[in-house]
Amino acid sequence: MSTVNLVYFSWVRERIGKGEETLEVPADVVTIADLLAHLKTLGEEYEMALEHQNVIRAAINQEHVEHDEPIAGAREIALFPPMTGG
């Protein structure tokens, strides 16, 4: 297991009910996609927030990454919905 610092933004934060948390993730959680799948098992609020995980954007250490990006060594992982213009 490894520990990861997660930060949630916008409606992801609203649906999960918190802005950030530190989690122990199992060894088989290797990529952002694995992390999203794991988070969905933590409760209904996570399942709702990440229901359409293909639209969730991610950043590792404040750098945008794809869902196949390995999370090893990440100090912070941010999850947020797509950005909209305005």
C-alpha atoms as a PDB file:
ATOM      1  CA  MET A   1       0.000   0.000   0.000  1.00  0.00           C
ATOM      2  CA  SER A   2       1.032   3.562  -0.576  1.00  0.00           C
ATOM      3  CA  THR A   3      -0.343   6.841   0.697  1.00  0.00           C
ATOM      4  CA  VAL A   4      -1.623   9.454  -1.721  1.00  0.00           C
ATOM      5  CA  ASN A   5      -2.864  12.995  -1.156  1.00  0.00           C
ATOM      6  CA  LEU A   6      -6.047  13.624  -3.157  1.00  0.00           C
ATOM      7  CA  VAL A   7      -7.562  17.016  -3.946  1.00  0.00           C
ATOM      8  CA  TYR A   8     -11.057  17.336  -5.437  1.00  0.00           C
ATOM      9  CA  PHE A   9     -12.422  20.318  -7.364  1.00  0.00           C
ATOM     10  CA  SER A  10     -15.790  21.689  -8.482  1.00  0.00           C
ATOM     11  CA  TRP A  11     -18.679  19.201  -8.634  1.00  0.00           C
ATOM     12  CA  VAL A  12     -16.347  16.283  -7.876  1.00  0.00           C
ATOM     13  CA  ARG A  13     -15.670  17.946  -4.494  1.00  0.00           C
ATOM     14  CA  GLU A  14     -19.359  18.716  -3.976  1.00  0.00           C
ATOM     15  CA  ARG A  15     -20.490  15.153  -4.658  1.00  0.00           C
ATOM     16  CA  ILE A  16     -17.767  13.503  -2.560  1.00  0.00           C
ATOM     17  CA  GLY A  17     -18.362  16.000   0.229  1.00  0.00           C
ATOM     18  CA  LYS A  18     -14.756  17.005   0.906  1.00  0.00           C
ATOM     19  CA  GLY A  19     -12.041  19.041  -0.752  1.00  0.00           C
ATOM     20  CA  GLU A  20      -9.134  16.755   0.002  1.00  0.00           C
ATOM     21  CA  GLU A  21      -8.050  13.634   1.815  1.00  0.00           C
ATOM     22  CA  THR A  22      -5.099  11.333   2.308  1.00  0.00           C
ATOM     23  CA  LEU A  23      -5.751   7.711   1.376  1.00  0.00           C
ATOM     24  CA  GLU A  24      -3.955   4.403   1.570  1.00  0.00           C
ATOM     25  CA  VAL A  25      -4.216   2.800  -1.858  1.00  0.00           C
ATOM     26  CA  PRO A  26      -3.649  -0.905  -2.547  1.00  0.00           C
ATOM     27  CA  ALA A  27      -0.543  -2.009  -4.446  1.00  0.00           C
ATOM     28  CA  ASP A  28      -2.613  -2.941  -7.496  1.00  0.00           C
ATOM     29  CA  VAL A  29      -3.671   0.703  -7.954  1.00  0.00           C
ATOM     30  CA  VAL A  30      -0.999   1.751 -10.441  1.00  0.00           C
ATOM     31  CA  THR A  31      -2.559   4.348 -12.781  1.00  0.00           C
ATOM     32  CA  ILE A  32      -5.074   7.181 -12.580  1.00  0.00           C
ATOM     33  CA  ALA A  33      -7.678   4.835 -14.117  1.00  0.00           C
ATOM     34  CA  ASP A  34      -6.966   2.262 -11.377  1.00  0.00           C
ATOM     35  CA  LEU A  35      -7.298   4.997  -8.758  1.00  0.00           C
ATOM     36  CA  LEU A  36     -10.658   6.149 -10.132  1.00  0.00           C
ATOM     37  CA  ALA A  37     -11.938   2.560 -10.133  1.00  0.00           C
ATOM     38  CA  HIS A  38     -10.705   2.085  -6.552  1.00  0.00           C
ATOM     39  CA  LEU A  39     -12.292   5.330  -5.348  1.00  0.00           C
ATOM     40  CA  LYS A  40     -15.664   4.236  -6.746  1.00  0.00           C
ATOM     41  CA  THR A  41     -15.599   1.313  -4.282  1.00  0.00           C
ATOM     42  CA  LEU A  42     -15.339   3.629  -1.256  1.00  0.00           C
ATOM     43  CA  GLY A  43     -18.994   4.605  -1.100  1.00  0.00           C
ATOM     44  CA  GLU A  44     -22.022   5.941  -2.893  1.00  0.00           C
ATOM     45  CA  GLU A  45     -20.750   9.531  -2.924  1.00  0.00           C
ATOM     46  CA  TYR A  46     -17.561   8.483  -4.737  1.00  0.00           C
ATOM     47  CA  GLU A  47     -19.541   6.321  -7.121  1.00  0.00           C
ATOM     48  CA  MET A  48     -21.787   9.273  -8.000  1.00  0.00           C
ATOM     49  CA  ALA A  49     -18.912  11.733  -8.354  1.00  0.00           C
ATOM     50  CA  LEU A  50     -16.914   9.413 -10.600  1.00  0.00           C
ATOM     51  CA  GLU A  51     -19.826   7.763 -12.415  1.00  0.00           C
ATOM     52  CA  HIS A  52     -18.590   9.010 -15.801  1.00  0.00           C
ATOM     53  CA  GLN A  53     -14.912   8.585 -15.058  1.00  0.00           C
ATOM     54  CA  ASN A  54     -13.926   9.134 -18.707  1.00  0.00           C
ATOM     55  CA  VAL A  55     -14.749  12.854 -18.306  1.00  0.00           C
ATOM     56  CA  ILE A  56     -12.790  13.257 -15.060  1.00  0.00           C
ATOM     57  CA  ARG A  57      -9.544  15.154 -15.531  1.00  0.00           C
ATOM     58  CA  ALA A  58      -6.491  14.451 -13.403  1.00  0.00           C
ATOM     59  CA  ALA A  59      -3.259  16.152 -12.419  1.00  0.00           C
ATOM     60  CA  ILE A  60      -0.265  14.667 -10.654  1.00  0.00           C
ATOM     61  CA  ASN A  61       1.847  17.200  -8.751  1.00  0.00           C
ATOM     62  CA  GLN A  62      -0.061  19.988 -10.567  1.00  0.00           C
ATOM     63  CA  GLU A  63       0.640  18.613 -14.057  1.00  0.00           C
ATOM     64  CA  HIS A  64      -2.239  17.406 -16.242  1.00  0.00           C
ATOM     65  CA  VAL A  65      -2.012  13.690 -17.046  1.00  0.00           C
ATOM     66  CA  GLU A  66      -3.978  11.025 -18.921  1.00  0.00           C
ATOM     67  CA  HIS A  67      -5.770   8.156 -17.177  1.00  0.00           C
ATOM     68  CA  ASP A  68      -3.007   5.684 -18.098  1.00  0.00           C
ATOM     69  CA  GLU A  69      -0.402   7.726 -16.192  1.00  0.00           C
ATOM     70  CA  PRO A  70       1.331   5.831 -13.342  1.00  0.00           C
ATOM     71  CA  ILE A  71       0.738   7.346  -9.901  1.00  0.00           C
ATOM     72  CA  ALA A  72       3.937   6.032  -8.273  1.00  0.00           C
ATOM     73  CA  GLY A  73       5.779   8.811  -6.455  1.00  0.00           C
ATOM     74  CA  ALA A  74       2.890  11.274  -6.701  1.00  0.00           C
ATOM     75  CA  ARG A  75       2.801  13.798  -3.853  1.00  0.00           C
ATOM     76  CA  GLU A  76      -0.613  15.109  -4.873  1.00  0.00           C
ATOM     77  CA  ILE A  77      -3.312  13.931  -7.263  1.00  0.00           C
ATOM     78  CA  ALA A  78      -6.083  16.341  -8.222  1.00  0.00           C
ATOM     79  CA  LEU A  79      -9.376  15.208  -9.743  1.00  0.00           C
ATOM     80  CA  PHE A  80     -11.713  17.631 -11.457  1.00  0.00           C
ATOM     81  CA  PRO A  81     -14.393  17.858 -14.150  1.00  0.00           C
ATOM     82  CA  PRO A  82     -13.674  19.188 -17.651  1.00  0.00           C
ATOM     83  CA  MET A  83     -12.977  22.907 -17.779  1.00  0.00           C
ATOM     84  CA  THR A  84     -15.598  25.019 -19.466  1.00  0.00           C
ATOM     85  CA  GLY A  85     -15.142  28.328 -21.190  1.00  0.00           C
ATOM     86  CA  GLY A  86     -16.584  31.474 -19.792  1.00  0.00           C
END
